[in-house]
């Protein structure tokens, strides 16, 4: 019945239908293929761009942390066994290096072998006489002879989130005689700000994470400092980053927003830097391209329909007259 109906159509209509059918199938197949083929490539390119940026930031953070660790080791070499019994001499060591003090906005201090502070700078932070043996970086310096970066904690004398670096003080025989500690106050202006303060794009941001403690050390959103990561199994991509994965992936955050996240390690501390951006913003160029392709296909479809009908009317006019 449909075929009979088709044969009753005029020649112009039949030619128009056949021509348009062939053209439209070709046009929309091309548009669909373009969207399907280009979307993964664009997604990969955007992920690579984001990962390249976070890699640069991670390398800079690593270099800054390493510089502070090297500085604290060098200053620690100035302390002799005789000074350990002379608090004034230890205080002088801390105070005669302004550049060293500028590296640690939370101050510096020296402890004895029992972990009690015996010299501190600035004196306004009353650390002298306070025992810090419960801190992991102090234990590593005094008991294991290691220079380490400690777990981010709330300061005992500074009521703010801080993390510290400690190095052992050694006598000529290599025995530990104390520890030199530098403190970074995360609530005040510090060297990490220039890396994480600026948002990524219009809606994205950075995180500096201590995966061994599942803690956020620094963030573009200051309210997230010292925030605990979700429990294992809640966010698979976060778990992969905690386990050492470096790369990009898509994950839905606690607020239900889908994000593109990239992470790169900071080897000197065992931390990682992550940058996240809502996929709606990250993939906006892809969505714009897809909309333009679809709009172009629709416009071309109407244009071809009109031109085909007009052209056939002109070409078949003599036949109708005959």
C-alpha atoms as a PDB file:
ATOM      1  CA  UNK A   1       0.000   0.000   0.000  1.00  0.00           C
ATOM      2  CA  UNK A   2       2.827   2.356   0.830  1.00  0.00           C
ATOM      3  CA  UNK A   3       4.558   1.482  -2.452  1.00  0.00           C
ATOM      4  CA  UNK A   4       1.369   2.251  -4.356  1.00  0.00           C
ATOM      5  CA  UNK A   5       1.128   5.564  -2.622  1.00  0.00           C
ATOM      6  CA  UNK A   6       4.732   6.298  -3.572  1.00  0.00           C
ATOM      7  CA  UNK A   7       4.097   5.495  -7.266  1.00  0.00           C
ATOM      8  CA  UNK A   8       1.199   7.965  -7.311  1.00  0.00           C
ATOM      9  CA  UNK A   9       3.539  10.793  -6.292  1.00  0.00           C
ATOM     10  CA  UNK A  10       4.753  13.151  -8.959  1.00  0.00           C
ATOM     11  CA  UNK A  11       8.177  12.697 -10.483  1.00  0.00           C
ATOM     12  CA  UNK A  12       9.412  15.865  -8.803  1.00  0.00           C
ATOM     13  CA  UNK A  13       8.357  14.650  -5.379  1.00  0.00           C
ATOM     14  CA  UNK A  14       9.886  11.221  -5.896  1.00  0.00           C
ATOM     15  CA  UNK A  15      13.207  12.673  -7.058  1.00  0.00           C
ATOM     16  CA  UNK A  16      13.181  15.072  -4.126  1.00  0.00           C
ATOM     17  CA  UNK A  17      12.542  12.282  -1.644  1.00  0.00           C
ATOM     18  CA  UNK A  18      15.257  10.011  -3.074  1.00  0.00           C
ATOM     19  CA  UNK A  19      17.796  12.809  -3.257  1.00  0.00           C
ATOM     20  CA  UNK A  20      17.088  14.011   0.250  1.00  0.00           C
ATOM     21  CA  UNK A  21      17.066  10.501   1.683  1.00  0.00           C
ATOM     22  CA  UNK A  22      20.519   9.780   0.312  1.00  0.00           C
ATOM     23  CA  UNK A  23      21.860  13.180   1.327  1.00  0.00           C
ATOM     24  CA  UNK A  24      20.379  13.219   4.814  1.00  0.00           C
ATOM     25  CA  UNK A  25      21.504   9.686   5.629  1.00  0.00           C
ATOM     26  CA  UNK A  26      25.027  10.659   4.557  1.00  0.00           C
ATOM     27  CA  UNK A  27      24.932  14.000   6.388  1.00  0.00           C
ATOM     28  CA  UNK A  28      23.616  12.688   9.700  1.00  0.00           C
ATOM     29  CA  UNK A  29      25.879   9.646   9.573  1.00  0.00           C
ATOM     30  CA  UNK A  30      28.825  12.000   9.166  1.00  0.00           C
ATOM     31  CA  UNK A  31      27.627  14.201  12.051  1.00  0.00           C
ATOM     32  CA  UNK A  32      27.104  11.194  14.323  1.00  0.00           C
ATOM     33  CA  UNK A  33      30.527   9.777  13.422  1.00  0.00           C
ATOM     34  CA  UNK A  34      32.199  13.122  14.055  1.00  0.00           C
ATOM     35  CA  UNK A  35      30.653  13.375  17.506  1.00  0.00           C
ATOM     36  CA  UNK A  36      31.411   9.757  18.404  1.00  0.00           C
ATOM     37  CA  UNK A  37      34.981   9.846  17.080  1.00  0.00           C
ATOM     38  CA  UNK A  38      36.053  13.297  18.256  1.00  0.00           C
ATOM     39  CA  UNK A  39      34.517  13.116  21.742  1.00  0.00           C
ATOM     40  CA  UNK A  40      37.033  10.556  23.142  1.00  0.00           C
ATOM     41  CA  UNK A  41      39.941  12.403  21.506  1.00  0.00           C
ATOM     42  CA  UNK A  42      38.850  15.743  22.924  1.00  0.00           C
ATOM     43  CA  UNK A  43      38.321  14.173  26.351  1.00  0.00           C
ATOM     44  CA  UNK A  44      41.805  12.684  26.216  1.00  0.00           C
ATOM     45  CA  UNK A  45      43.369  15.994  25.157  1.00  0.00           C
ATOM     46  CA  UNK A  46      41.629  17.894  27.956  1.00  0.00           C
ATOM     47  CA  UNK A  47      42.704  15.259  30.491  1.00  0.00           C
ATOM     48  CA  UNK A  48      46.297  15.470  29.249  1.00  0.00           C
ATOM     49  CA  UNK A  49      46.242  19.259  29.535  1.00  0.00           C
ATOM     50  CA  UNK A  50      44.949  19.055  33.107  1.00  0.00           C
ATOM     51  CA  UNK A  51      47.496  16.377  34.034  1.00  0.00           C
ATOM     52  CA  UNK A  52      50.291  18.483  32.541  1.00  0.00           C
ATOM     53  CA  UNK A  53      49.273  21.420  34.726  1.00  0.00           C
ATOM     54  CA  UNK A  54      49.059  19.363  37.921  1.00  0.00           C
ATOM     55  CA  UNK A  55      52.442  17.775  37.110  1.00  0.00           C
ATOM     56  CA  UNK A  56      54.006  21.233  36.932  1.00  0.00           C
ATOM     57  CA  UNK A  57      52.468  22.247  40.262  1.00  0.00           C
ATOM     58  CA  UNK A  58      53.546  18.966  41.925  1.00  0.00           C
ATOM     59  CA  UNK A  59      57.135  19.430  40.725  1.00  0.00           C
ATOM     60  CA  UNK A  60      57.216  22.972  42.144  1.00  0.00           C
ATOM     61  CA  UNK A  61      55.790  21.875  45.504  1.00  0.00           C
ATOM     62  CA  UNK A  62      58.303  19.029  45.641  1.00  0.00           C
ATOM     63  CA  UNK A  63      61.165  21.450  44.961  1.00  0.00           C
ATOM     64  CA  UNK A  64      60.012  23.866  47.664  1.00  0.00           C
ATOM     65  CA  UNK A  65      59.691  21.091  50.239  1.00  0.00           C
ATOM     66  CA  UNK A  66      63.091  19.693  49.292  1.00  0.00           C
ATOM     67  CA  UNK A  67      64.648  23.147  49.641  1.00  0.00           C
ATOM     68  CA  UNK A  68      63.311  23.420  53.190  1.00  0.00           C
ATOM     69  CA  UNK A  69      64.494  19.946  54.111  1.00  0.00           C
ATOM     70  CA  UNK A  70      67.977  20.728  52.766  1.00  0.00           C
ATOM     71  CA  UNK A  71      68.021  24.013  54.693  1.00  0.00           C
ATOM     72  CA  UNK A  72      67.026  22.415  57.966  1.00  0.00           C
ATOM     73  CA  UNK A  73      69.767  19.785  57.539  1.00  0.00           C
ATOM     74  CA  UNK A  74      72.398  22.483  56.887  1.00  0.00           C
ATOM     75  CA  UNK A  75      71.426  24.578  59.891  1.00  0.00           C
ATOM     76  CA  UNK A  76      71.335  21.429  62.015  1.00  0.00           C
ATOM     77  CA  UNK A  77      75.032  20.843  61.263  1.00  0.00           C
ATOM     78  CA  UNK A  78      75.888  24.035  63.144  1.00  0.00           C
ATOM     79  CA  UNK A  79      74.670  22.603  66.443  1.00  0.00           C
ATOM     80  CA  UNK A  80      77.417  20.965  68.513  1.00  0.00           C
ATOM     81  CA  UNK A  81      77.098  18.756  71.620  1.00  0.00           C
ATOM     82  CA  UNK A  82      78.332  21.662  73.759  1.00  0.00           C
ATOM     83  CA  UNK A  83      75.488  23.861  72.537  1.00  0.00           C
ATOM     84  CA  UNK A  84      72.847  21.342  73.558  1.00  0.00           C
ATOM     85  CA  UNK A  85      73.593  22.187  77.182  1.00  0.00           C
ATOM     86  CA  UNK A  86      73.531  25.931  76.469  1.00  0.00           C
ATOM     87  CA  UNK A  87      70.018  27.168  75.545  1.00  0.00           C
ATOM     88  CA  UNK A  88      71.367  30.652  74.765  1.00  0.00           C
ATOM     89  CA  UNK A  89      73.775  29.229  72.182  1.00  0.00           C
ATOM     90  CA  UNK A  90      70.951  27.235  70.592  1.00  0.00           C
ATOM     91  CA  UNK A  91      68.754  30.324  70.547  1.00  0.00           C
ATOM     92  CA  UNK A  92      71.539  32.219  68.802  1.00  0.00           C
ATOM     93  CA  UNK A  93      71.737  29.529  66.099  1.00  0.00           C
ATOM     94  CA  UNK A  94      68.036  29.950  65.352  1.00  0.00           C
ATOM     95  CA  UNK A  95      68.083  33.748  65.405  1.00  0.00           C
ATOM     96  CA  UNK A  96      71.150  34.406  63.238  1.00  0.00           C
ATOM     97  CA  UNK A  97      69.589  32.979  60.090  1.00  0.00           C
ATOM     98  CA  UNK A  98      66.735  35.277  58.957  1.00  0.00           C
ATOM     99  CA  UNK A  99      66.503  33.570  55.574  1.00  0.00           C
ATOM    100  CA  UNK A 100      66.127  30.214  57.284  1.00  0.00           C
ATOM    101  CA  UNK A 101      63.373  31.591  59.500  1.00  0.00           C
ATOM    102  CA  UNK A 102      61.571  32.985  56.450  1.00  0.00           C
ATOM    103  CA  UNK A 103      61.198  29.441  55.110  1.00  0.00           C
ATOM    104  CA  UNK A 104      59.075  28.445  58.114  1.00  0.00           C
ATOM    105  CA  UNK A 105      56.237  30.863  58.799  1.00  0.00           C
ATOM    106  CA  UNK A 106      55.284  28.901  61.933  1.00  0.00           C
ATOM    107  CA  UNK A 107      58.733  29.264  63.494  1.00  0.00           C
ATOM    108  CA  UNK A 108      61.519  26.831  64.399  1.00  0.00           C
ATOM    109  CA  UNK A 109      62.647  25.090  67.556  1.00  0.00           C
ATOM    110  CA  UNK A 110      65.250  22.674  68.910  1.00  0.00           C
ATOM    111  CA  UNK A 111      64.517  19.759  71.204  1.00  0.00           C
ATOM    112  CA  UNK A 112      66.674  17.592  73.410  1.00  0.00           C
ATOM    113  CA  UNK A 113      66.777  13.817  73.111  1.00  0.00           C
ATOM    114  CA  UNK A 114      63.616  13.575  75.186  1.00  0.00           C
ATOM    115  CA  UNK A 115      61.626  15.662  72.697  1.00  0.00           C
ATOM    116  CA  UNK A 116      61.307  18.723  74.935  1.00  0.00           C
ATOM    117  CA  UNK A 117      61.876  22.100  73.259  1.00  0.00           C
ATOM    118  CA  UNK A 118      64.931  23.900  74.656  1.00  0.00           C
ATOM    119  CA  UNK A 119      65.144  26.782  72.145  1.00  0.00           C
ATOM    120  CA  UNK A 120      62.479  28.390  69.976  1.00  0.00           C
ATOM    121  CA  UNK A 121      62.037  31.198  67.486  1.00  0.00           C
ATOM    122  CA  UNK A 122      60.092  33.426  67.630  1.00  0.00           C
ATOM    123  CA  UNK A 123      59.878  33.577  71.406  1.00  0.00           C
ATOM    124  CA  UNK A 124      56.300  34.805  71.154  1.00  0.00           C
ATOM    125  CA  UNK A 125      55.355  31.190  70.367  1.00  0.00           C
ATOM    126  CA  UNK A 126      56.125  29.800  73.819  1.00  0.00           C
ATOM    127  CA  UNK A 127      57.374  26.343  72.862  1.00  0.00           C
ATOM    128  CA  UNK A 128      60.274  26.092  75.317  1.00  0.00           C
ATOM    129  CA  UNK A 129      59.551  23.387  77.889  1.00  0.00           C
ATOM    130  CA  UNK A 130      56.857  21.722  75.763  1.00  0.00           C
ATOM    131  CA  UNK A 131      57.374  18.041  74.984  1.00  0.00           C
ATOM    132  CA  UNK A 132      56.744  16.949  71.386  1.00  0.00           C
ATOM    133  CA  UNK A 133      57.656  13.291  71.655  1.00  0.00           C
ATOM    134  CA  UNK A 134      54.135  12.335  70.549  1.00  0.00           C
ATOM    135  CA  UNK A 135      54.753  13.774  67.067  1.00  0.00           C
ATOM    136  CA  UNK A 136      55.819  11.380  64.315  1.00  0.00           C
ATOM    137  CA  UNK A 137      58.510  13.678  62.861  1.00  0.00           C
ATOM    138  CA  UNK A 138      60.127  14.065  66.309  1.00  0.00           C
ATOM    139  CA  UNK A 139      60.156  10.296  66.828  1.00  0.00           C
ATOM    140  CA  UNK A 140      61.670   9.782  63.360  1.00  0.00           C
ATOM    141  CA  UNK A 141      64.424  12.323  64.073  1.00  0.00           C
ATOM    142  CA  UNK A 142      65.295  11.240  67.620  1.00  0.00           C
ATOM    143  CA  UNK A 143      64.717   7.475  67.469  1.00  0.00           C
ATOM    144  CA  UNK A 144      65.483   6.706  63.826  1.00  0.00           C
ATOM    145  CA  UNK A 145      67.861   9.503  62.871  1.00  0.00           C
ATOM    146  CA  UNK A 146      65.739  10.477  59.867  1.00  0.00           C
ATOM    147  CA  UNK A 147      64.847  13.838  58.382  1.00  0.00           C
ATOM    148  CA  UNK A 148      61.118  13.736  57.711  1.00  0.00           C
ATOM    149  CA  UNK A 149      57.971  15.743  57.085  1.00  0.00           C
ATOM    150  CA  UNK A 150      55.384  15.123  59.763  1.00  0.00           C
ATOM    151  CA  UNK A 151      51.664  14.526  59.732  1.00  0.00           C
ATOM    152  CA  UNK A 152      49.540  17.698  59.440  1.00  0.00           C
ATOM    153  CA  UNK A 153      48.083  18.413  62.888  1.00  0.00           C
ATOM    154  CA  UNK A 154      46.589  21.214  64.928  1.00  0.00           C
ATOM    155  CA  UNK A 155      49.491  23.019  66.563  1.00  0.00           C
ATOM    156  CA  UNK A 156      49.992  22.754  70.276  1.00  0.00           C
ATOM    157  CA  UNK A 157      51.088  26.371  70.773  1.00  0.00           C
ATOM    158  CA  UNK A 158      49.766  27.630  67.449  1.00  0.00           C
ATOM    159  CA  UNK A 159      45.997  26.994  67.442  1.00  0.00           C
ATOM    160  CA  UNK A 160      46.035  26.371  63.713  1.00  0.00           C
ATOM    161  CA  UNK A 161      46.649  23.544  61.219  1.00  0.00           C
ATOM    162  CA  UNK A 162      50.390  23.008  60.804  1.00  0.00           C
ATOM    163  CA  UNK A 163      52.905  20.518  59.515  1.00  0.00           C
ATOM    164  CA  UNK A 164      56.527  20.285  60.564  1.00  0.00           C
ATOM    165  CA  UNK A 165      59.882  19.086  59.273  1.00  0.00           C
ATOM    166  CA  UNK A 166      62.468  17.665  61.646  1.00  0.00           C
ATOM    167  CA  UNK A 167      66.089  16.643  61.275  1.00  0.00           C
ATOM    168  CA  UNK A 168      68.293  14.891  63.862  1.00  0.00           C
ATOM    169  CA  UNK A 169      71.183  16.771  65.459  1.00  0.00           C
ATOM    170  CA  UNK A 170      74.278  14.573  65.571  1.00  0.00           C
ATOM    171  CA  UNK A 171      77.518  14.559  67.529  1.00  0.00           C
ATOM    172  CA  UNK A 172      80.861  13.759  65.808  1.00  0.00           C
ATOM    173  CA  UNK A 173      80.253  10.043  66.429  1.00  0.00           C
ATOM    174  CA  UNK A 174      76.892  10.178  64.663  1.00  0.00           C
ATOM    175  CA  UNK A 175      74.831   9.865  67.833  1.00  0.00           C
ATOM    176  CA  UNK A 176      71.555  11.797  68.011  1.00  0.00           C
ATOM    177  CA  UNK A 177      71.724  14.661  70.511  1.00  0.00           C
ATOM    178  CA  UNK A 178      68.503  16.467  69.620  1.00  0.00           C
ATOM    179  CA  UNK A 179      66.283  17.588  66.787  1.00  0.00           C
ATOM    180  CA  UNK A 180      65.822  20.774  64.781  1.00  0.00           C
ATOM    181  CA  UNK A 181      62.237  21.447  63.699  1.00  0.00           C
ATOM    182  CA  UNK A 182      60.667  23.887  61.231  1.00  0.00           C
ATOM    183  CA  UNK A 183      56.924  24.578  61.255  1.00  0.00           C
ATOM    184  CA  UNK A 184      54.582  25.619  58.429  1.00  0.00           C
ATOM    185  CA  UNK A 185      51.415  27.375  59.587  1.00  0.00           C
ATOM    186  CA  UNK A 186      48.749  26.463  57.030  1.00  0.00           C
ATOM    187  CA  UNK A 187      46.278  29.057  58.293  1.00  0.00           C
ATOM    188  CA  UNK A 188      48.667  31.931  57.542  1.00  0.00           C
ATOM    189  CA  UNK A 189      50.280  33.004  54.276  1.00  0.00           C
ATOM    190  CA  UNK A 190      52.773  30.308  53.293  1.00  0.00           C
ATOM    191  CA  UNK A 191      54.726  29.035  50.298  1.00  0.00           C
ATOM    192  CA  UNK A 192      51.938  26.661  49.244  1.00  0.00           C
ATOM    193  CA  UNK A 193      49.529  29.537  48.611  1.00  0.00           C
ATOM    194  CA  UNK A 194      51.038  30.488  45.270  1.00  0.00           C
ATOM    195  CA  UNK A 195      50.386  26.956  44.005  1.00  0.00           C
ATOM    196  CA  UNK A 196      46.893  26.268  45.307  1.00  0.00           C
ATOM    197  CA  UNK A 197      45.293  29.692  45.806  1.00  0.00           C
ATOM    198  CA  UNK A 198      44.476  30.335  42.164  1.00  0.00           C
ATOM    199  CA  UNK A 199      41.478  28.382  40.848  1.00  0.00           C
ATOM    200  CA  UNK A 200      41.906  26.086  37.882  1.00  0.00           C
ATOM    201  CA  UNK A 201      39.776  27.503  35.088  1.00  0.00           C
ATOM    202  CA  UNK A 202      36.573  29.117  36.293  1.00  0.00           C
ATOM    203  CA  UNK A 203      35.300  26.402  38.619  1.00  0.00           C
ATOM    204  CA  UNK A 204      38.203  24.065  39.386  1.00  0.00           C
ATOM    205  CA  UNK A 205      40.679  23.978  42.254  1.00  0.00           C
ATOM    206  CA  UNK A 206      43.764  22.286  43.699  1.00  0.00           C
ATOM    207  CA  UNK A 207      44.338  19.951  46.618  1.00  0.00           C
ATOM    208  CA  UNK A 208      47.571  18.915  48.315  1.00  0.00           C
ATOM    209  CA  UNK A 209      46.922  15.555  49.955  1.00  0.00           C
ATOM    210  CA  UNK A 210      48.866  13.442  52.444  1.00  0.00           C
ATOM    211  CA  UNK A 211      47.581  10.000  51.399  1.00  0.00           C
ATOM    212  CA  UNK A 212      49.381   8.114  54.180  1.00  0.00           C
ATOM    213  CA  UNK A 213      47.189  10.057  56.615  1.00  0.00           C
ATOM    214  CA  UNK A 214      44.214  10.522  54.252  1.00  0.00           C
ATOM    215  CA  UNK A 215      44.343  14.269  54.993  1.00  0.00           C
ATOM    216  CA  UNK A 216      44.091  17.362  52.824  1.00  0.00           C
ATOM    217  CA  UNK A 217      47.126  19.541  53.593  1.00  0.00           C
ATOM    218  CA  UNK A 218      46.269  22.583  51.465  1.00  0.00           C
ATOM    219  CA  UNK A 219      43.471  23.515  49.101  1.00  0.00           C
ATOM    220  CA  UNK A 220      42.119  26.299  46.933  1.00  0.00           C
ATOM    221  CA  UNK A 221      39.047  26.124  49.158  1.00  0.00           C
ATOM    222  CA  UNK A 222      40.618  26.941  52.545  1.00  0.00           C
ATOM    223  CA  UNK A 223      37.739  25.303  54.404  1.00  0.00           C
ATOM    224  CA  UNK A 224      39.003  21.926  53.182  1.00  0.00           C
ATOM    225  CA  UNK A 225      42.397  22.147  54.921  1.00  0.00           C
ATOM    226  CA  UNK A 226      42.750  19.196  57.328  1.00  0.00           C
ATOM    227  CA  UNK A 227      39.673  17.556  55.824  1.00  0.00           C
ATOM    228  CA  UNK A 228      39.745  13.754  55.962  1.00  0.00           C
ATOM    229  CA  UNK A 229      39.386  11.853  52.703  1.00  0.00           C
ATOM    230  CA  UNK A 230      36.363   9.552  52.315  1.00  0.00           C
ATOM    231  CA  UNK A 231      36.735   6.061  53.759  1.00  0.00           C
ATOM    232  CA  UNK A 232      38.229   3.395  51.469  1.00  0.00           C
ATOM    233  CA  UNK A 233      35.667   2.060  49.019  1.00  0.00           C
ATOM    234  CA  UNK A 234      33.565   5.232  48.869  1.00  0.00           C
ATOM    235  CA  UNK A 235      35.381   6.875  45.941  1.00  0.00           C
ATOM    236  CA  UNK A 236      37.334   4.377  43.819  1.00  0.00           C
ATOM    237  CA  UNK A 237      39.359   7.071  42.010  1.00  0.00           C
ATOM    238  CA  UNK A 238      40.431   8.656  45.304  1.00  0.00           C
ATOM    239  CA  UNK A 239      41.482   5.217  46.528  1.00  0.00           C
ATOM    240  CA  UNK A 240      43.613   4.793  43.400  1.00  0.00           C
ATOM    241  CA  UNK A 241      45.324   8.138  44.011  1.00  0.00           C
ATOM    242  CA  UNK A 242      45.961   7.171  47.644  1.00  0.00           C
ATOM    243  CA  UNK A 243      47.558   3.936  46.427  1.00  0.00           C
ATOM    244  CA  UNK A 244      49.939   5.864  44.166  1.00  0.00           C
ATOM    245  CA  UNK A 245      48.109   6.162  40.838  1.00  0.00           C
ATOM    246  CA  UNK A 246      49.146   9.195  38.780  1.00  0.00           C
ATOM    247  CA  UNK A 247      46.796  10.218  36.003  1.00  0.00           C
ATOM    248  CA  UNK A 248      43.270  11.418  35.351  1.00  0.00           C
ATOM    249  CA  UNK A 249      39.771  10.108  35.860  1.00  0.00           C
ATOM    250  CA  UNK A 250      36.154  11.067  36.396  1.00  0.00           C
ATOM    251  CA  UNK A 251      34.485  10.850  39.789  1.00  0.00           C
ATOM    252  CA  UNK A 252      31.334  12.163  41.467  1.00  0.00           C
ATOM    253  CA  UNK A 253      32.123  14.187  44.594  1.00  0.00           C
ATOM    254  CA  UNK A 254      30.238  14.287  47.885  1.00  0.00           C
ATOM    255  CA  UNK A 255      27.943  17.007  46.536  1.00  0.00           C
ATOM    256  CA  UNK A 256      26.876  14.901  43.567  1.00  0.00           C
ATOM    257  CA  UNK A 257      28.932  16.897  41.043  1.00  0.00           C
ATOM    258  CA  UNK A 258      30.791  14.892  38.409  1.00  0.00           C
ATOM    259  CA  UNK A 259      34.417  16.025  38.201  1.00  0.00           C
ATOM    260  CA  UNK A 260      37.470  15.428  36.059  1.00  0.00           C
ATOM    261  CA  UNK A 261      40.371  14.891  38.473  1.00  0.00           C
ATOM    262  CA  UNK A 262      44.104  14.595  37.786  1.00  0.00           C
ATOM    263  CA  UNK A 263      46.804  13.838  40.349  1.00  0.00           C
ATOM    264  CA  UNK A 264      50.601  13.772  40.449  1.00  0.00           C
ATOM    265  CA  UNK A 265      52.870  12.697  43.293  1.00  0.00           C
ATOM    266  CA  UNK A 266      55.172  14.835  45.462  1.00  0.00           C
ATOM    267  CA  UNK A 267      57.908  12.245  46.151  1.00  0.00           C
ATOM    268  CA  UNK A 268      59.850  14.059  48.875  1.00  0.00           C
ATOM    269  CA  UNK A 269      56.821  13.995  51.192  1.00  0.00           C
ATOM    270  CA  UNK A 270      54.889  11.009  49.841  1.00  0.00           C
ATOM    271  CA  UNK A 271      52.017  13.400  49.103  1.00  0.00           C
ATOM    272  CA  UNK A 272      50.199  14.207  45.871  1.00  0.00           C
ATOM    273  CA  UNK A 273      48.713  17.266  44.210  1.00  0.00           C
ATOM    274  CA  UNK A 274      45.271  16.920  42.647  1.00  0.00           C
ATOM    275  CA  UNK A 275      43.318  19.304  40.447  1.00  0.00           C
ATOM    276  CA  UNK A 276      39.587  18.882  39.961  1.00  0.00           C
ATOM    277  CA  UNK A 277      37.098  20.545  37.655  1.00  0.00           C
ATOM    278  CA  UNK A 278      33.400  19.815  37.080  1.00  0.00           C
ATOM    279  CA  UNK A 279      33.003  17.910  33.833  1.00  0.00           C
ATOM    280  CA  UNK A 280      30.304  20.381  32.786  1.00  0.00           C
ATOM    281  CA  UNK A 281      33.034  23.020  32.723  1.00  0.00           C
ATOM    282  CA  UNK A 282      35.962  20.835  31.665  1.00  0.00           C
ATOM    283  CA  UNK A 283      34.117  19.361  28.692  1.00  0.00           C
ATOM    284  CA  UNK A 284      32.283  22.556  27.754  1.00  0.00           C
ATOM    285  CA  UNK A 285      34.304  22.841  24.478  1.00  0.00           C
ATOM    286  CA  UNK A 286      33.208  19.316  23.539  1.00  0.00           C
ATOM    287  CA  UNK A 287      29.546  20.076  24.221  1.00  0.00           C
ATOM    288  CA  UNK A 288      29.825  23.312  22.261  1.00  0.00           C
ATOM    289  CA  UNK A 289      31.363  21.463  19.318  1.00  0.00           C
ATOM    290  CA  UNK A 290      28.615  18.827  19.418  1.00  0.00           C
ATOM    291  CA  UNK A 291      25.880  21.480  19.486  1.00  0.00           C
ATOM    292  CA  UNK A 292      27.462  23.287  16.544  1.00  0.00           C
ATOM    293  CA  UNK A 293      27.681  20.105  14.516  1.00  0.00           C
ATOM    294  CA  UNK A 294      24.028  19.297  15.188  1.00  0.00           C
ATOM    295  CA  UNK A 295      22.922  22.857  14.440  1.00  0.00           C
ATOM    296  CA  UNK A 296      24.925  22.888  11.214  1.00  0.00           C
ATOM    297  CA  UNK A 297      23.379  19.568  10.160  1.00  0.00           C
ATOM    298  CA  UNK A 298      19.856  20.904  10.811  1.00  0.00           C
ATOM    299  CA  UNK A 299      20.493  24.122   8.882  1.00  0.00           C
ATOM    300  CA  UNK A 300      22.026  22.258   5.948  1.00  0.00           C
ATOM    301  CA  UNK A 301      19.041  19.878   5.937  1.00  0.00           C
ATOM    302  CA  UNK A 302      16.522  22.733   5.547  1.00  0.00           C
ATOM    303  CA  UNK A 303      18.736  24.442   2.989  1.00  0.00           C
ATOM    304  CA  UNK A 304      19.047  21.312   0.854  1.00  0.00           C
ATOM    305  CA  UNK A 305      15.283  20.646   1.032  1.00  0.00           C
ATOM    306  CA  UNK A 306      14.532  24.145  -0.217  1.00  0.00           C
ATOM    307  CA  UNK A 307      17.190  24.177  -2.929  1.00  0.00           C
ATOM    308  CA  UNK A 308      16.269  20.712  -4.203  1.00  0.00           C
ATOM    309  CA  UNK A 309      12.597  21.605  -4.452  1.00  0.00           C
ATOM    310  CA  UNK A 310      13.384  24.912  -6.217  1.00  0.00           C
ATOM    311  CA  UNK A 311      15.884  23.338  -8.625  1.00  0.00           C
ATOM    312  CA  UNK A 312      13.544  20.508  -9.635  1.00  0.00           C
ATOM    313  CA  UNK A 313      10.735  22.991 -10.151  1.00  0.00           C
ATOM    314  CA  UNK A 314      12.924  24.907 -12.606  1.00  0.00           C
ATOM    315  CA  UNK A 315      14.281  21.832 -14.380  1.00  0.00           C
ATOM    316  CA  UNK A 316      10.924  20.109 -14.780  1.00  0.00           C
ATOM    317  CA  UNK A 317       8.998  23.204 -15.814  1.00  0.00           C
ATOM    318  CA  UNK A 318       9.431  22.472 -19.600  1.00  0.00           C
ATOM    319  CA  UNK A 319       8.246  18.871 -19.095  1.00  0.00           C
ATOM    320  CA  UNK A 320       5.126  20.073 -17.266  1.00  0.00           C
ATOM    321  CA  UNK A 321       4.465  22.559 -20.064  1.00  0.00           C
ATOM    322  CA  UNK A 322       4.837  19.835 -22.738  1.00  0.00           C
END
